[in-house]
Amino acid sequence: MGAYGATRDSAPFFHGAHFQFWSFSRVETSGGIRASLAGRYASALFDLARDQRQIDAVGRSLDALGQALLDSRDFAELIESPLVSRPEAGKAFAALAPQLGLDDITANFLGVLARNGRKGQLRPVIRAFKRLAADHRGETTADVITARPLKDDQVAALKQQLRGRAGRDVTIDAQVDPQILGGIVVKLGSQMIDASIRTKLNRLASAMKG
């Protein structure tokens, strides 16, 4: 049994895009999005975007922010550094908004994060908003962790397979964690696949001890 309590059946249910997944195992779920600080901020943003019929526009702006966090080390450090003051963060966000083409709701929301000293919550806010938007569209969200970024064809193949599993469209919330070494970890609702190389090595080490 691996770090996530995953078990392996006799046959994989997914092949393709250089991945091989074993059957899901059950995992514990949290108390919901609103249980976390980032979830509460994301819920407030989503409620405002929904009321103003701007969910798609805010979603695109958050996608742009997420990409900027990946592409710009300076921006990532701005978010993460405790040395950046609230006024400094607010000025930086205000300057960034037109560069990324952010809509007014998202731009104003960034100002709220800065004033409240919560700029470090931006990454989880983006993830939580995506989940809320997916639920609103009647989709389910799969949390996916890989050692390297997924290519477009891999994401498409993964969505197709998970759609068959979930019975409806699936939104992929992809994250990169080099510490899993390779393979993939997928959480879909209360179910988990852990096909990471790290977990396989841990299983092998445990078997050798036995």
N, C-alpha and C. Protein backbone atom coordinates (compact mmCIF):
# COMPACT_ATOMS: atom_id res chain seq x y z
N MET A 1 0.84 -1.20 0.00
CA MET A 1 0.00 0.00 0.00
C MET A 1 0.87 1.23 0.00
N GLY A 2 0.57 2.19 -0.91
CA GLY A 2 1.41 3.37 -1.07
C GLY A 2 1.03 4.49 -0.14
N ALA A 3 1.66 5.62 -0.38
CA ALA A 3 1.48 6.76 0.50
C ALA A 3 0.04 7.26 0.51
N TYR A 4 -0.72 7.00 -0.54
CA TYR A 4 -2.09 7.48 -0.62
C TYR A 4 -3.08 6.35 -0.39
N GLY A 5 -2.60 5.19 0.01
CA GLY A 5 -3.48 4.07 0.28
C GLY A 5 -4.04 3.44 -0.99
N ALA A 6 -3.35 3.58 -2.12
CA ALA A 6 -3.85 3.03 -3.38
C ALA A 6 -3.53 1.55 -3.46
N THR A 7 -4.42 0.81 -4.12
CA THR A 7 -4.20 -0.61 -4.33
C THR A 7 -4.20 -0.87 -5.81
N ARG A 8 -3.57 -1.96 -6.25
CA ARG A 8 -3.47 -2.26 -7.67
C ARG A 8 -4.29 -3.49 -8.00
N ASP A 9 -5.18 -3.38 -8.97
CA ASP A 9 -5.94 -4.53 -9.44
C ASP A 9 -5.14 -5.30 -10.47
N SER A 10 -5.73 -6.36 -10.99
CA SER A 10 -5.01 -7.22 -11.91
C SER A 10 -4.85 -6.61 -13.29
N ALA A 11 -5.66 -5.58 -13.63
CA ALA A 11 -5.57 -5.01 -14.97
C ALA A 11 -5.77 -3.50 -14.91
N PRO A 12 -5.01 -2.76 -15.72
CA PRO A 12 -5.16 -1.31 -15.72
C PRO A 12 -6.43 -0.91 -16.46
N PHE A 13 -7.01 0.25 -16.12
CA PHE A 13 -8.17 0.71 -16.86
C PHE A 13 -7.82 1.82 -17.82
N PHE A 14 -6.59 2.32 -17.77
CA PHE A 14 -6.22 3.41 -18.67
C PHE A 14 -4.89 3.10 -19.33
N HIS A 15 -4.86 3.25 -20.64
CA HIS A 15 -3.61 3.18 -21.40
C HIS A 15 -3.57 4.39 -22.31
N GLY A 16 -2.40 4.90 -22.58
CA GLY A 16 -2.30 5.99 -23.55
C GLY A 16 -1.51 7.15 -23.02
N ALA A 17 -0.98 7.94 -23.94
CA ALA A 17 -0.22 9.14 -23.60
C ALA A 17 0.90 8.83 -22.62
N HIS A 18 1.49 7.64 -22.76
CA HIS A 18 2.64 7.22 -21.97
C HIS A 18 2.29 6.98 -20.50
N PHE A 19 1.00 6.81 -20.17
CA PHE A 19 0.61 6.54 -18.80
C PHE A 19 -0.13 5.22 -18.71
N GLN A 20 -0.03 4.60 -17.57
CA GLN A 20 -0.79 3.39 -17.30
C GLN A 20 -1.32 3.51 -15.88
N PHE A 21 -2.65 3.56 -15.76
CA PHE A 21 -3.27 3.78 -14.46
C PHE A 21 -3.87 2.47 -13.96
N TRP A 22 -3.78 2.27 -12.65
CA TRP A 22 -4.44 1.14 -12.02
C TRP A 22 -5.74 1.65 -11.41
N SER A 23 -6.55 0.75 -10.89
CA SER A 23 -7.89 1.13 -10.45
C SER A 23 -7.84 2.11 -9.28
N PHE A 24 -8.92 2.86 -9.14
CA PHE A 24 -9.02 3.85 -8.07
C PHE A 24 -9.16 3.18 -6.72
N SER A 25 -8.66 3.86 -5.69
CA SER A 25 -8.95 3.48 -4.32
C SER A 25 -9.63 4.66 -3.64
N ARG A 26 -10.33 4.39 -2.56
CA ARG A 26 -11.04 5.44 -1.84
C ARG A 26 -10.09 6.24 -0.97
N VAL A 27 -10.34 7.54 -0.90
CA VAL A 27 -9.55 8.41 -0.03
C VAL A 27 -10.49 9.30 0.75
N GLU A 28 -9.97 9.86 1.81
CA GLU A 28 -10.76 10.78 2.61
C GLU A 28 -10.94 12.10 1.83
N THR A 29 -12.09 12.73 1.99
CA THR A 29 -12.35 14.02 1.36
C THR A 29 -12.45 15.10 2.41
N SER A 30 -12.22 16.33 1.98
CA SER A 30 -12.26 17.46 2.91
C SER A 30 -13.69 17.89 3.13
N GLY A 31 -13.87 18.89 3.97
CA GLY A 31 -15.20 19.40 4.26
C GLY A 31 -15.75 20.31 3.20
N GLY A 32 -15.10 20.42 2.05
CA GLY A 32 -15.61 21.26 0.98
C GLY A 32 -14.72 22.47 0.76
N ILE A 33 -14.96 23.11 -0.38
CA ILE A 33 -14.12 24.24 -0.78
C ILE A 33 -14.16 25.36 0.24
N ARG A 34 -15.32 25.66 0.76
CA ARG A 34 -15.46 26.80 1.66
C ARG A 34 -14.83 26.55 3.02
N ALA A 35 -14.33 25.35 3.27
CA ALA A 35 -13.71 25.06 4.56
C ALA A 35 -12.33 25.70 4.69
N SER A 36 -11.71 26.05 3.56
CA SER A 36 -10.37 26.63 3.59
C SER A 36 -10.44 28.13 3.36
N LEU A 37 -9.38 28.83 3.77
CA LEU A 37 -9.32 30.28 3.56
C LEU A 37 -9.37 30.61 2.07
N ALA A 38 -8.54 29.92 1.28
CA ALA A 38 -8.53 30.16 -0.16
C ALA A 38 -9.89 29.84 -0.76
N GLY A 39 -10.54 28.80 -0.25
CA GLY A 39 -11.85 28.43 -0.75
C GLY A 39 -12.89 29.50 -0.50
N ARG A 40 -12.80 30.15 0.64
CA ARG A 40 -13.75 31.21 0.94
C ARG A 40 -13.53 32.42 0.03
N TYR A 41 -12.28 32.75 -0.22
CA TYR A 41 -11.99 33.84 -1.16
C TYR A 41 -12.47 33.47 -2.56
N ALA A 42 -12.20 32.24 -2.98
CA ALA A 42 -12.61 31.81 -4.31
C ALA A 42 -14.12 31.79 -4.44
N SER A 43 -14.80 31.39 -3.37
CA SER A 43 -16.26 31.35 -3.40
C SER A 43 -16.85 32.75 -3.53
N ALA A 44 -16.26 33.71 -2.81
CA ALA A 44 -16.73 35.09 -2.91
C ALA A 44 -16.51 35.63 -4.32
N LEU A 45 -15.34 35.31 -4.90
CA LEU A 45 -15.06 35.74 -6.28
C LEU A 45 -16.02 35.08 -7.25
N PHE A 46 -16.27 33.80 -7.07
CA PHE A 46 -17.17 33.08 -7.97
C PHE A 46 -18.59 33.64 -7.88
N ASP A 47 -19.06 33.89 -6.67
CA ASP A 47 -20.41 34.42 -6.50
C ASP A 47 -20.56 35.76 -7.22
N LEU A 48 -19.55 36.61 -7.11
CA LEU A 48 -19.59 37.90 -7.79
C LEU A 48 -19.57 37.73 -9.31
N ALA A 49 -18.68 36.84 -9.79
CA ALA A 49 -18.60 36.59 -11.23
C ALA A 49 -19.91 36.00 -11.76
N ARG A 50 -20.52 35.12 -11.00
CA ARG A 50 -21.79 34.53 -11.43
C ARG A 50 -22.89 35.58 -11.48
N ASP A 51 -22.96 36.42 -10.45
CA ASP A 51 -24.00 37.45 -10.41
C ASP A 51 -23.87 38.42 -11.58
N GLN A 52 -22.63 38.69 -12.00
CA GLN A 52 -22.40 39.62 -13.10
C GLN A 52 -22.22 38.90 -14.44
N ARG A 53 -22.46 37.60 -14.45
CA ARG A 53 -22.36 36.79 -15.66
C ARG A 53 -20.98 36.92 -16.30
N GLN A 54 -19.98 36.83 -15.47
CA GLN A 54 -18.60 36.98 -15.93
C GLN A 54 -17.73 35.78 -15.54
N ILE A 55 -18.34 34.63 -15.34
CA ILE A 55 -17.58 33.45 -14.90
C ILE A 55 -16.47 33.12 -15.90
N ASP A 56 -16.81 33.11 -17.18
CA ASP A 56 -15.81 32.75 -18.20
C ASP A 56 -14.68 33.79 -18.24
N ALA A 57 -15.03 35.07 -18.15
CA ALA A 57 -14.02 36.13 -18.20
C ALA A 57 -13.07 36.02 -17.01
N VAL A 58 -13.63 35.80 -15.83
CA VAL A 58 -12.78 35.65 -14.64
C VAL A 58 -11.94 34.40 -14.75
N GLY A 59 -12.53 33.33 -15.27
CA GLY A 59 -11.76 32.10 -15.46
C GLY A 59 -10.57 32.29 -16.37
N ARG A 60 -10.77 33.04 -17.47
CA ARG A 60 -9.66 33.30 -18.39
C ARG A 60 -8.58 34.15 -17.70
N SER A 61 -9.01 35.11 -16.91
CA SER A 61 -8.03 35.95 -16.20
C SER A 61 -7.23 35.13 -15.20
N LEU A 62 -7.90 34.24 -14.50
CA LEU A 62 -7.19 33.39 -13.54
C LEU A 62 -6.25 32.42 -14.24
N ASP A 63 -6.65 31.95 -15.42
CA ASP A 63 -5.75 31.11 -16.21
C ASP A 63 -4.49 31.89 -16.58
N ALA A 64 -4.67 33.16 -16.95
CA ALA A 64 -3.52 34.00 -17.30
C ALA A 64 -2.61 34.21 -16.10
N LEU A 65 -3.21 34.39 -14.93
CA LEU A 65 -2.41 34.54 -13.71
C LEU A 65 -1.67 33.24 -13.38
N GLY A 66 -2.35 32.12 -13.55
CA GLY A 66 -1.70 30.84 -13.30
C GLY A 66 -0.52 30.60 -14.21
N GLN A 67 -0.69 30.97 -15.49
CA GLN A 67 0.41 30.82 -16.44
C GLN A 67 1.56 31.76 -16.10
N ALA A 68 1.22 32.97 -15.65
CA ALA A 68 2.26 33.94 -15.27
C ALA A 68 3.06 33.42 -14.08
N LEU A 69 2.40 32.73 -13.17
CA LEU A 69 3.11 32.16 -12.02
C LEU A 69 4.09 31.08 -12.46
N LEU A 70 3.76 30.39 -13.55
CA LEU A 70 4.66 29.37 -14.08
C LEU A 70 5.80 29.99 -14.88
N ASP A 71 5.51 31.06 -15.61
CA ASP A 71 6.48 31.63 -16.54
C ASP A 71 7.42 32.64 -15.89
N SER A 72 6.97 33.31 -14.86
CA SER A 72 7.74 34.41 -14.27
C SER A 72 8.18 34.08 -12.85
N ARG A 73 9.47 33.91 -12.66
CA ARG A 73 9.99 33.67 -11.32
C ARG A 73 9.78 34.89 -10.43
N ASP A 74 9.89 36.08 -11.02
CA ASP A 74 9.70 37.31 -10.25
C ASP A 74 8.28 37.38 -9.69
N PHE A 75 7.30 37.03 -10.52
CA PHE A 75 5.91 37.07 -10.07
C PHE A 75 5.67 36.02 -8.98
N ALA A 76 6.23 34.83 -9.18
CA ALA A 76 6.08 33.78 -8.18
C ALA A 76 6.69 34.19 -6.85
N GLU A 77 7.85 34.85 -6.91
CA GLU A 77 8.50 35.31 -5.69
C GLU A 77 7.71 36.43 -5.02
N LEU A 78 7.09 37.28 -5.82
CA LEU A 78 6.24 38.32 -5.28
C LEU A 78 5.10 37.71 -4.46
N ILE A 79 4.49 36.66 -4.98
CA ILE A 79 3.39 36.00 -4.31
C ILE A 79 3.85 35.34 -3.01
N GLU A 80 5.01 34.73 -3.06
CA GLU A 80 5.46 33.89 -1.95
C GLU A 80 6.23 34.65 -0.87
N SER A 81 6.82 35.78 -1.21
CA SER A 81 7.71 36.47 -0.27
C SER A 81 6.94 37.19 0.84
N PRO A 82 7.29 36.93 2.10
CA PRO A 82 6.66 37.66 3.21
C PRO A 82 7.23 39.06 3.37
N LEU A 83 8.28 39.38 2.62
CA LEU A 83 8.94 40.69 2.75
C LEU A 83 8.25 41.77 1.93
N VAL A 84 7.37 41.36 1.00
CA VAL A 84 6.66 42.33 0.17
C VAL A 84 5.47 42.87 0.96
N SER A 85 5.42 44.19 1.15
CA SER A 85 4.36 44.79 1.95
C SER A 85 3.04 44.78 1.19
N ARG A 86 1.96 45.02 1.91
CA ARG A 86 0.65 45.07 1.28
C ARG A 86 0.55 46.18 0.23
N PRO A 87 1.01 47.39 0.53
CA PRO A 87 0.96 48.43 -0.52
C PRO A 87 1.80 48.08 -1.74
N GLU A 88 2.98 47.49 -1.51
CA GLU A 88 3.84 47.09 -2.63
C GLU A 88 3.16 46.03 -3.49
N ALA A 89 2.53 45.07 -2.83
CA ALA A 89 1.82 44.02 -3.57
C ALA A 89 0.68 44.60 -4.37
N GLY A 90 -0.05 45.55 -3.76
CA GLY A 90 -1.16 46.18 -4.47
C GLY A 90 -0.70 46.92 -5.71
N LYS A 91 0.41 47.63 -5.61
CA LYS A 91 0.95 48.36 -6.77
C LYS A 91 1.40 47.37 -7.86
N ALA A 92 2.04 46.30 -7.44
CA ALA A 92 2.51 45.31 -8.42
C ALA A 92 1.33 44.66 -9.14
N PHE A 93 0.27 44.33 -8.41
CA PHE A 93 -0.91 43.73 -9.03
C PHE A 93 -1.58 44.71 -9.99
N ALA A 94 -1.66 45.98 -9.58
CA ALA A 94 -2.29 46.99 -10.43
C ALA A 94 -1.53 47.16 -11.73
N ALA A 95 -0.19 47.06 -11.67
CA ALA A 95 0.62 47.19 -12.88
C ALA A 95 0.51 45.95 -13.75
N LEU A 96 0.32 44.80 -13.13
CA LEU A 96 0.28 43.54 -13.87
C LEU A 96 -1.04 43.34 -14.60
N ALA A 97 -2.13 43.84 -14.02
CA ALA A 97 -3.47 43.59 -14.58
C ALA A 97 -3.59 43.95 -16.05
N PRO A 98 -3.20 45.15 -16.49
CA PRO A 98 -3.33 45.46 -17.92
C PRO A 98 -2.37 44.66 -18.79
N GLN A 99 -1.22 44.29 -18.26
CA GLN A 99 -0.27 43.50 -19.04
C GLN A 99 -0.84 42.13 -19.38
N LEU A 100 -1.59 41.55 -18.45
CA LEU A 100 -2.17 40.23 -18.66
C LEU A 100 -3.58 40.30 -19.23
N GLY A 101 -4.11 41.51 -19.37
CA GLY A 101 -5.45 41.65 -19.90
C GLY A 101 -6.52 41.14 -18.96
N LEU A 102 -6.32 41.35 -17.66
CA LEU A 102 -7.28 40.86 -16.67
C LEU A 102 -8.58 41.65 -16.72
N ASP A 103 -9.68 40.97 -16.51
CA ASP A 103 -10.97 41.66 -16.43
C ASP A 103 -11.04 42.46 -15.13
N ASP A 104 -12.01 43.37 -15.04
CA ASP A 104 -12.09 44.27 -13.90
C ASP A 104 -12.35 43.54 -12.58
N ILE A 105 -13.17 42.50 -12.63
CA ILE A 105 -13.49 41.77 -11.39
C ILE A 105 -12.23 41.14 -10.82
N THR A 106 -11.46 40.49 -11.67
CA THR A 106 -10.24 39.83 -11.20
C THR A 106 -9.21 40.85 -10.75
N ALA A 107 -9.07 41.94 -11.49
CA ALA A 107 -8.12 42.98 -11.10
C ALA A 107 -8.46 43.55 -9.73
N ASN A 108 -9.74 43.82 -9.50
CA ASN A 108 -10.15 44.33 -8.19
C ASN A 108 -9.95 43.30 -7.10
N PHE A 109 -10.18 42.03 -7.44
CA PHE A 109 -10.00 40.96 -6.47
C PHE A 109 -8.53 40.86 -6.03
N LEU A 110 -7.62 41.01 -6.98
CA LEU A 110 -6.20 41.01 -6.62
C LEU A 110 -5.88 42.12 -5.63
N GLY A 111 -6.52 43.27 -5.81
CA GLY A 111 -6.33 44.36 -4.87
C GLY A 111 -6.81 43.99 -3.48
N VAL A 112 -7.90 43.25 -3.40
CA VAL A 112 -8.42 42.80 -2.10
C VAL A 112 -7.42 41.84 -1.44
N LEU A 113 -6.90 40.90 -2.22
CA LEU A 113 -5.90 39.98 -1.67
C LEU A 113 -4.70 40.74 -1.12
N ALA A 114 -4.24 41.75 -1.86
CA ALA A 114 -3.09 42.53 -1.43
C ALA A 114 -3.39 43.29 -0.14
N ARG A 115 -4.53 43.97 -0.11
CA ARG A 115 -4.88 44.78 1.07
C ARG A 115 -5.07 43.91 2.31
N ASN A 116 -5.56 42.69 2.12
CA ASN A 116 -5.80 41.80 3.25
C ASN A 116 -4.57 40.97 3.63
N GLY A 117 -3.47 41.17 2.92
CA GLY A 117 -2.27 40.39 3.21
C GLY A 117 -2.41 38.93 2.85
N ARG A 118 -3.19 38.64 1.83
CA ARG A 118 -3.46 37.25 1.45
C ARG A 118 -2.96 36.92 0.05
N LYS A 119 -1.97 37.64 -0.45
CA LYS A 119 -1.48 37.37 -1.79
C LYS A 119 -0.96 35.95 -1.95
N GLY A 120 -0.47 35.36 -0.86
CA GLY A 120 0.03 33.99 -0.91
C GLY A 120 -1.05 32.96 -1.16
N GLN A 121 -2.30 33.39 -1.09
CA GLN A 121 -3.42 32.46 -1.34
C GLN A 121 -3.80 32.39 -2.82
N LEU A 122 -3.09 33.13 -3.68
CA LEU A 122 -3.52 33.21 -5.07
C LEU A 122 -3.56 31.85 -5.75
N ARG A 123 -2.52 31.05 -5.58
CA ARG A 123 -2.51 29.73 -6.26
C ARG A 123 -3.71 28.88 -5.85
N PRO A 124 -3.94 28.66 -4.55
CA PRO A 124 -5.11 27.83 -4.18
C PRO A 124 -6.43 28.48 -4.54
N VAL A 125 -6.50 29.82 -4.57
CA VAL A 125 -7.72 30.48 -5.00
C VAL A 125 -8.01 30.14 -6.46
N ILE A 126 -6.99 30.17 -7.30
CA ILE A 126 -7.17 29.82 -8.71
C ILE A 126 -7.70 28.40 -8.85
N ARG A 127 -7.11 27.46 -8.10
CA ARG A 127 -7.56 26.07 -8.18
C ARG A 127 -9.01 25.93 -7.69
N ALA A 128 -9.34 26.60 -6.59
CA ALA A 128 -10.69 26.49 -6.04
C ALA A 128 -11.73 27.10 -6.98
N PHE A 129 -11.40 28.23 -7.60
CA PHE A 129 -12.33 28.85 -8.55
C PHE A 129 -12.58 27.92 -9.73
N LYS A 130 -11.53 27.30 -10.24
CA LYS A 130 -11.70 26.37 -11.36
C LYS A 130 -12.65 25.24 -10.98
N ARG A 131 -12.54 24.76 -9.76
CA ARG A 131 -13.41 23.68 -9.30
C ARG A 131 -14.87 24.16 -9.24
N LEU A 132 -15.07 25.36 -8.70
CA LEU A 132 -16.42 25.91 -8.62
C LEU A 132 -17.02 26.13 -10.01
N ALA A 133 -16.20 26.64 -10.93
CA ALA A 133 -16.67 26.86 -12.29
C ALA A 133 -17.01 25.55 -12.98
N ALA A 134 -16.20 24.53 -12.74
CA ALA A 134 -16.48 23.21 -13.32
C ALA A 134 -17.78 22.65 -12.78
N ASP A 135 -18.00 22.77 -11.48
CA ASP A 135 -19.25 22.29 -10.89
C ASP A 135 -20.45 23.04 -11.50
N HIS A 136 -20.27 24.34 -11.71
CA HIS A 136 -21.33 25.16 -12.29
C HIS A 136 -21.68 24.69 -13.70
N ARG A 137 -20.68 24.21 -14.43
CA ARG A 137 -20.90 23.73 -15.80
C ARG A 137 -21.37 22.27 -15.83
N GLY A 138 -21.51 21.67 -14.67
CA GLY A 138 -21.92 20.26 -14.63
C GLY A 138 -20.77 19.30 -14.86
N GLU A 139 -19.55 19.78 -14.66
CA GLU A 139 -18.37 18.94 -14.81
C GLU A 139 -17.85 18.53 -13.44
N THR A 140 -17.00 17.54 -13.43
CA THR A 140 -16.29 17.20 -12.22
C THR A 140 -14.81 17.51 -12.41
N THR A 141 -14.07 17.68 -11.32
CA THR A 141 -12.68 18.08 -11.40
C THR A 141 -11.77 16.95 -10.93
N ALA A 142 -10.75 16.68 -11.70
CA ALA A 142 -9.74 15.70 -11.32
C ALA A 142 -8.45 16.43 -10.98
N ASP A 143 -7.92 16.19 -9.77
CA ASP A 143 -6.63 16.73 -9.38
C ASP A 143 -5.55 15.80 -9.91
N VAL A 144 -4.64 16.32 -10.71
CA VAL A 144 -3.62 15.51 -11.37
C VAL A 144 -2.24 16.05 -11.01
N ILE A 145 -1.37 15.16 -10.55
CA ILE A 145 0.01 15.52 -10.22
C ILE A 145 0.95 14.69 -11.08
N THR A 146 1.87 15.36 -11.76
CA THR A 146 2.89 14.69 -12.55
C THR A 146 4.24 15.31 -12.24
N ALA A 147 5.29 14.59 -12.57
CA ALA A 147 6.64 15.10 -12.32
C ALA A 147 7.02 16.20 -13.30
N ARG A 148 6.41 16.18 -14.49
CA ARG A 148 6.65 17.19 -15.52
C ARG A 148 5.31 17.64 -16.09
N PRO A 149 5.24 18.83 -16.66
CA PRO A 149 3.97 19.30 -17.21
C PRO A 149 3.43 18.35 -18.28
N LEU A 150 2.12 18.17 -18.29
CA LEU A 150 1.48 17.34 -19.29
C LEU A 150 1.40 18.08 -20.63
N LYS A 151 1.54 17.33 -21.71
CA LYS A 151 1.35 17.89 -23.04
C LYS A 151 -0.15 17.91 -23.36
N ASP A 152 -0.50 18.69 -24.37
CA ASP A 152 -1.92 18.83 -24.72
C ASP A 152 -2.55 17.50 -25.07
N ASP A 153 -1.84 16.63 -25.80
CA ASP A 153 -2.43 15.36 -26.19
C ASP A 153 -2.59 14.44 -24.98
N GLN A 154 -1.71 14.57 -24.00
CA GLN A 154 -1.84 13.78 -22.79
C GLN A 154 -3.05 14.23 -21.97
N VAL A 155 -3.25 15.55 -21.89
CA VAL A 155 -4.41 16.07 -21.17
C VAL A 155 -5.70 15.60 -21.85
N ALA A 156 -5.73 15.65 -23.18
CA ALA A 156 -6.92 15.24 -23.91
C ALA A 156 -7.22 13.76 -23.69
N ALA A 157 -6.18 12.92 -23.74
CA ALA A 157 -6.37 11.49 -23.52
C ALA A 157 -6.84 11.21 -22.10
N LEU A 158 -6.27 11.94 -21.15
CA LEU A 158 -6.65 11.76 -19.75
C LEU A 158 -8.10 12.16 -19.52
N LYS A 159 -8.52 13.28 -20.10
CA LYS A 159 -9.90 13.72 -19.97
C LYS A 159 -10.87 12.67 -20.52
N GLN A 160 -10.51 12.10 -21.66
CA GLN A 160 -11.39 11.12 -22.29
C GLN A 160 -11.57 9.90 -21.40
N GLN A 161 -10.48 9.41 -20.83
CA GLN A 161 -10.56 8.23 -19.98
C GLN A 161 -11.31 8.52 -18.69
N LEU A 162 -11.05 9.68 -18.08
CA LEU A 162 -11.71 10.01 -16.83
C LEU A 162 -13.19 10.33 -17.04
N ARG A 163 -13.52 10.83 -18.21
CA ARG A 163 -14.94 11.07 -18.52
C ARG A 163 -15.71 9.77 -18.50
N GLY A 164 -15.11 8.72 -19.05
CA GLY A 164 -15.75 7.42 -19.00
C GLY A 164 -15.91 6.90 -17.59
N ARG A 165 -14.96 7.23 -16.73
CA ARG A 165 -15.03 6.82 -15.34
C ARG A 165 -16.07 7.61 -14.56
N ALA A 166 -16.12 8.93 -14.80
CA ALA A 166 -17.00 9.80 -14.03
C ALA A 166 -18.42 9.87 -14.59
N GLY A 167 -18.56 9.56 -15.87
CA GLY A 167 -19.88 9.64 -16.49
C GLY A 167 -20.27 11.05 -16.89
N ARG A 168 -19.33 11.99 -16.84
CA ARG A 168 -19.58 13.35 -17.29
C ARG A 168 -18.24 14.00 -17.60
N ASP A 169 -18.30 15.20 -18.19
CA ASP A 169 -17.06 15.88 -18.55
C ASP A 169 -16.19 16.14 -17.32
N VAL A 170 -14.89 16.10 -17.52
CA VAL A 170 -13.93 16.25 -16.43
C VAL A 170 -13.00 17.42 -16.73
N THR A 171 -12.82 18.29 -15.75
CA THR A 171 -11.83 19.35 -15.82
C THR A 171 -10.56 18.89 -15.12
N ILE A 172 -9.42 19.10 -15.74
CA ILE A 172 -8.15 18.68 -15.17
C ILE A 172 -7.50 19.84 -14.41
N ASP A 173 -7.22 19.63 -13.13
CA ASP A 173 -6.46 20.59 -12.34
C ASP A 173 -5.05 20.01 -12.21
N ALA A 174 -4.18 20.40 -13.12
CA ALA A 174 -2.84 19.80 -13.21
C ALA A 174 -1.84 20.56 -12.36
N GLN A 175 -1.04 19.80 -11.61
CA GLN A 175 0.04 20.36 -10.82
C GLN A 175 1.31 19.54 -11.07
N VAL A 176 2.44 20.19 -10.92
CA VAL A 176 3.73 19.53 -11.16
C VAL A 176 4.45 19.38 -9.83
N ASP A 177 4.91 18.16 -9.56
CA ASP A 177 5.67 17.87 -8.34
C ASP A 177 6.81 16.92 -8.71
N PRO A 178 8.02 17.45 -8.92
CA PRO A 178 9.15 16.59 -9.31
C PRO A 178 9.45 15.50 -8.30
N GLN A 179 9.00 15.65 -7.06
CA GLN A 179 9.32 14.67 -6.03
C GLN A 179 8.64 13.32 -6.25
N ILE A 180 7.61 13.26 -7.11
CA ILE A 180 7.00 11.95 -7.36
C ILE A 180 7.84 11.15 -8.36
N LEU A 181 8.87 11.80 -8.95
CA LEU A 181 9.88 11.17 -9.81
C LEU A 181 9.38 10.84 -11.21
N GLY A 182 8.17 10.46 -11.35
CA GLY A 182 7.59 10.08 -12.63
C GLY A 182 6.23 9.46 -12.41
N GLY A 183 5.56 9.08 -13.51
CA GLY A 183 4.22 8.52 -13.36
C GLY A 183 3.21 9.61 -13.09
N ILE A 184 2.14 9.27 -12.39
CA ILE A 184 1.04 10.21 -12.21
C ILE A 184 0.24 9.86 -10.96
N VAL A 185 -0.33 10.89 -10.35
CA VAL A 185 -1.28 10.72 -9.25
C VAL A 185 -2.55 11.46 -9.65
N VAL A 186 -3.69 10.79 -9.55
CA VAL A 186 -4.97 11.38 -9.93
C VAL A 186 -5.97 11.20 -8.80
N LYS A 187 -6.63 12.28 -8.43
CA LYS A 187 -7.73 12.23 -7.47
C LYS A 187 -8.99 12.68 -8.16
N LEU A 188 -10.00 11.84 -8.17
CA LEU A 188 -11.28 12.14 -8.80
C LEU A 188 -12.36 11.94 -7.75
N GLY A 189 -12.87 13.05 -7.22
CA GLY A 189 -13.84 12.95 -6.13
C GLY A 189 -13.19 12.32 -4.91
N SER A 190 -13.80 11.24 -4.42
CA SER A 190 -13.27 10.56 -3.24
C SER A 190 -12.37 9.39 -3.61
N GLN A 191 -11.98 9.30 -4.87
CA GLN A 191 -11.18 8.18 -5.34
C GLN A 191 -9.80 8.65 -5.80
N MET A 192 -8.82 7.76 -5.66
CA MET A 192 -7.43 8.11 -5.93
C MET A 192 -6.74 7.03 -6.74
N ILE A 193 -5.95 7.47 -7.71
CA ILE A 193 -4.96 6.62 -8.37
C ILE A 193 -3.60 7.15 -7.95
N ASP A 194 -2.73 6.28 -7.52
CA ASP A 194 -1.34 6.68 -7.31
C ASP A 194 -0.46 5.73 -8.12
N ALA A 195 -0.08 6.19 -9.30
CA ALA A 195 0.80 5.42 -10.18
C ALA A 195 2.13 6.14 -10.32
N SER A 196 2.55 6.80 -9.24
CA SER A 196 3.82 7.51 -9.27
C SER A 196 4.98 6.55 -9.08
N ILE A 197 6.13 6.91 -9.64
CA ILE A 197 7.32 6.09 -9.47
C ILE A 197 7.74 6.07 -8.01
N ARG A 198 7.58 7.20 -7.32
CA ARG A 198 7.95 7.25 -5.91
C ARG A 198 7.21 6.19 -5.11
N THR A 199 5.91 6.08 -5.32
CA THR A 199 5.12 5.10 -4.57
C THR A 199 5.49 3.68 -4.96
N LYS A 200 5.76 3.46 -6.26
CA LYS A 200 6.17 2.12 -6.68
C LYS A 200 7.49 1.73 -6.04
N LEU A 201 8.43 2.68 -5.93
CA LEU A 201 9.70 2.39 -5.27
C LEU A 201 9.49 2.11 -3.78
N ASN A 202 8.57 2.86 -3.16
CA ASN A 202 8.28 2.61 -1.75
C ASN A 202 7.69 1.22 -1.55
N ARG A 203 6.83 0.80 -2.46
CA ARG A 203 6.26 -0.55 -2.37
C ARG A 203 7.35 -1.61 -2.52
N LEU A 204 8.26 -1.36 -3.47
CA LEU A 204 9.35 -2.31 -3.69
C LEU A 204 10.25 -2.40 -2.46
N ALA A 205 10.54 -1.24 -1.85
CA ALA A 205 11.38 -1.24 -0.66
C ALA A 205 10.70 -1.98 0.48
N SER A 206 9.37 -1.80 0.63
CA SER A 206 8.64 -2.50 1.68
C SER A 206 8.64 -3.99 1.43
N ALA A 207 8.47 -4.40 0.17
CA ALA A 207 8.46 -5.82 -0.17
C ALA A 207 9.79 -6.47 0.12
N MET A 208 10.88 -5.74 -0.16
CA MET A 208 12.22 -6.28 0.06
C MET A 208 12.50 -6.45 1.56
N LYS A 209 11.93 -5.55 2.36
CA LYS A 209 12.11 -5.68 3.81
C LYS A 209 11.37 -6.90 4.34
N GLY A 210 10.24 -7.22 3.69
CA GLY A 210 9.45 -8.35 4.15
C GLY A 210 10.09 -9.67 3.80
